[in-house]
């Protein structure tokens, strides 16, 4: 197989890199397995896939956040210019919003580098199916429910761990 499962890119890592900003972006990229560049046809199917599966929509607002973040970086050294910097950021947003398609292209390239054209077409067919469309439409609620459950679980585990640490420290003569 031209592209292996082991080399598939996790988009969570990509999103985390964008969220963490320049420090995370300085990490060296993971090199994809050496394979021929994707064909125009593969890229076309991959672009459609990232639109239909909802991933392209996951990055709506990224450009605004990047432009606003750039302006805010200057507020730290020039706090009196905050209103003017905000106005400049708002004025520049449309210019950068035009580059949103670059994100779609990067997502599509990652898919095209890790899936064959036939696999991309199969994934696209799934996401166009009623179940695939339901997955896309229900994903935000599913993720929200999972995150809330994980947060509650984390609080419980933290409390248990604190009790265990307290008990172990007490055995060693320390009363926490």
Protein backbone atom coordinates (compact mmCIF):
# COMPACT_ATOMS: atom_id res chain seq x y z
CA UNK A 1 0.00 0.00 0.00
CA UNK A 2 1.35 3.39 -0.99
CA UNK A 3 0.39 5.05 2.27
CA UNK A 4 0.51 3.18 5.56
CA UNK A 5 -1.80 3.41 8.54
CA UNK A 6 1.20 3.95 10.81
CA UNK A 7 2.10 7.15 9.01
CA UNK A 8 -1.37 8.78 9.12
CA UNK A 9 -1.44 12.31 10.46
CA UNK A 10 -3.45 13.18 13.56
CA UNK A 11 -5.31 16.45 13.03
CA UNK A 12 -5.55 16.91 16.78
CA UNK A 13 -1.81 17.53 16.74
CA UNK A 14 -2.22 20.03 13.93
CA UNK A 15 -4.93 21.90 15.78
CA UNK A 16 -2.87 21.82 18.99
CA UNK A 17 0.07 23.31 17.11
CA UNK A 18 -2.13 26.14 15.86
CA UNK A 19 -3.59 26.68 19.32
CA UNK A 20 -0.20 26.74 21.03
CA UNK A 21 1.19 29.25 18.58
CA UNK A 22 4.75 29.96 17.47
CA UNK A 23 6.50 27.90 20.16
CA UNK A 24 4.79 24.72 19.01
CA UNK A 25 5.28 25.59 15.36
CA UNK A 26 9.06 25.58 15.90
CA UNK A 27 9.00 21.83 16.49
CA UNK A 28 10.33 19.93 13.48
CA UNK A 29 7.54 18.54 11.30
CA UNK A 30 6.96 14.82 11.08
CA UNK A 31 8.30 13.75 7.72
CA UNK A 32 5.79 11.71 5.71
CA UNK A 33 6.91 8.44 4.24
CA UNK A 34 8.65 8.96 0.91
CA UNK A 35 6.04 8.54 -1.78
CA UNK A 36 5.17 10.28 -5.00
CA UNK A 37 3.33 13.59 -4.59
CA UNK A 38 -0.44 13.29 -4.80
CA UNK A 39 -2.02 13.66 -8.19
CA UNK A 40 -4.36 16.53 -9.04
CA UNK A 41 -7.22 14.04 -8.92
CA UNK A 42 -6.25 12.83 -5.44
CA UNK A 43 -6.01 16.42 -4.24
CA UNK A 44 -9.44 17.25 -5.67
CA UNK A 45 -11.03 14.29 -3.85
CA UNK A 46 -9.12 15.11 -0.65
CA UNK A 47 -10.29 18.76 -0.76
CA UNK A 48 -13.87 17.62 -1.15
CA UNK A 49 -13.40 15.17 1.72
CA UNK A 50 -12.18 17.83 4.17
CA UNK A 51 -15.16 19.99 3.22
CA UNK A 52 -17.74 17.21 3.56
CA UNK A 53 -16.29 15.69 6.75
CA UNK A 54 -16.42 19.05 8.52
CA UNK A 55 -12.71 19.49 9.14
CA UNK A 56 -12.49 22.61 6.98
CA UNK A 57 -15.16 24.20 9.17
CA UNK A 58 -13.10 23.38 12.26
CA UNK A 59 -10.64 26.04 11.17
CA UNK A 60 -13.14 28.83 10.52
CA UNK A 61 -12.01 31.70 12.69
CA UNK A 62 -8.36 30.67 12.75
CA UNK A 63 -7.37 33.51 10.45
CA UNK A 64 -9.19 36.06 12.61
CA UNK A 65 -7.48 34.65 15.71
CA UNK A 66 -4.07 34.79 14.05
CA UNK A 67 -4.50 38.40 12.90
CA UNK A 68 -5.94 39.47 16.27
CA UNK A 69 -3.10 37.65 18.04
CA UNK A 70 -0.52 39.45 15.94
CA UNK A 71 -2.04 42.80 16.84
CA UNK A 72 -2.29 41.84 20.52
CA UNK A 73 1.42 41.02 20.56
CA UNK A 74 2.09 44.73 20.05
CA UNK A 75 -0.25 45.69 22.90
CA UNK A 76 2.20 44.17 25.40
CA UNK A 77 4.83 46.76 24.54
CA UNK A 78 2.41 49.56 23.54
CA UNK A 79 -0.68 49.27 25.78
CA UNK A 80 -1.83 52.80 24.90
CA UNK A 81 -2.25 51.69 21.27
CA UNK A 82 -4.75 48.91 22.07
CA UNK A 83 -7.75 50.57 20.39
CA UNK A 84 -5.76 51.43 17.26
CA UNK A 85 -4.24 47.94 17.08
CA UNK A 86 -7.72 46.40 17.42
CA UNK A 87 -8.95 48.61 14.56
CA UNK A 88 -5.98 47.59 12.39
CA UNK A 89 -6.62 43.90 13.13
CA UNK A 90 -10.29 44.27 12.16
CA UNK A 91 -9.27 46.06 8.94
CA UNK A 92 -6.74 43.34 8.05
CA UNK A 93 -9.02 40.36 8.71
CA UNK A 94 -10.61 40.29 5.21
CA UNK A 95 -7.18 40.26 3.58
CA UNK A 96 -6.17 37.18 5.56
CA UNK A 97 -9.58 35.47 5.39
CA UNK A 98 -8.95 35.10 1.65
CA UNK A 99 -6.17 32.66 2.59
CA UNK A 100 -8.54 30.23 4.38
CA UNK A 101 -8.31 27.92 1.37
CA UNK A 102 -4.64 27.35 2.22
CA UNK A 103 -5.75 25.51 5.35
CA UNK A 104 -8.07 23.34 3.27
CA UNK A 105 -5.19 22.61 0.91
CA UNK A 106 -2.92 21.61 3.80
CA UNK A 107 -5.58 19.31 5.23
CA UNK A 108 -6.22 17.85 1.78
CA UNK A 109 -2.51 17.30 1.18
CA UNK A 110 -2.19 15.45 4.48
CA UNK A 111 -5.08 13.18 3.53
CA UNK A 112 -3.76 12.70 -0.01
CA UNK A 113 -0.34 11.78 1.39
CA UNK A 114 -1.80 9.09 3.62
CA UNK A 115 -4.66 7.62 1.61
CA UNK A 116 -4.92 6.31 -1.90
CA UNK A 117 -7.40 7.96 -4.24
CA UNK A 118 -9.68 4.94 -3.88
CA UNK A 119 -9.55 5.23 -0.07
CA UNK A 120 -10.30 8.95 -0.29
CA UNK A 121 -13.31 8.21 -2.50
CA UNK A 122 -14.54 5.59 -0.02
CA UNK A 123 -14.19 8.04 2.87
CA UNK A 124 -15.96 10.71 0.83
CA UNK A 125 -18.81 8.30 0.05
CA UNK A 126 -19.14 7.54 3.76
CA UNK A 127 -19.30 11.21 4.74
CA UNK A 128 -21.91 11.84 2.05
CA UNK A 129 -24.04 8.99 3.41
CA UNK A 130 -26.75 9.65 6.01
CA UNK A 131 -24.59 8.12 8.77
CA UNK A 132 -21.57 10.18 7.71
CA UNK A 133 -23.65 13.36 7.65
CA UNK A 134 -25.02 12.51 11.09
CA UNK A 135 -21.47 12.02 12.36
CA UNK A 136 -20.49 15.45 11.08
CA UNK A 137 -23.58 17.19 12.44
CA UNK A 138 -23.48 15.43 15.84
CA UNK A 139 -19.69 15.62 16.31
CA UNK A 140 -19.75 18.91 18.29
CA UNK A 141 -22.29 17.52 20.79
CA UNK A 142 -20.37 14.23 21.02
CA UNK A 143 -17.09 16.01 21.67
CA UNK A 144 -18.71 18.33 24.21
CA UNK A 145 -20.23 15.39 26.08
CA UNK A 146 -16.93 13.49 26.03
CA UNK A 147 -14.94 16.52 27.24
CA UNK A 148 -17.40 17.16 30.08
CA UNK A 149 -17.24 13.50 31.11
CA UNK A 150 -13.44 13.48 30.97
CA UNK A 151 -13.28 16.68 33.03
CA UNK A 152 -15.58 15.21 35.69
CA UNK A 153 -13.56 12.00 35.69
CA UNK A 154 -10.34 14.00 36.02
CA UNK A 155 -11.69 15.86 39.05
CA UNK A 156 -12.62 12.53 40.66
CA UNK A 157 -9.23 10.96 39.91
CA UNK A 158 -7.44 14.06 41.18
CA UNK A 159 -9.38 13.92 44.47
CA UNK A 160 -8.58 10.21 44.85
CA UNK A 161 -4.91 10.82 44.07
CA UNK A 162 -4.74 13.67 46.60
CA UNK A 163 -6.23 11.42 49.29
CA UNK A 164 -3.73 8.67 48.47
CA UNK A 165 -0.81 11.13 48.54
CA UNK A 166 -2.07 12.51 51.86
CA UNK A 167 -2.38 8.98 53.31
CA UNK A 168 1.08 7.95 52.10
CA UNK A 169 2.65 11.12 53.46
CA UNK A 170 0.92 10.54 56.80
CA UNK A 171 2.52 7.06 56.96
CA UNK A 172 5.87 8.83 56.54
CA UNK A 173 5.17 11.24 59.36
CA UNK A 174 3.87 14.24 57.42
CA UNK A 175 0.39 15.58 58.04
CA UNK A 176 -0.88 17.34 54.94
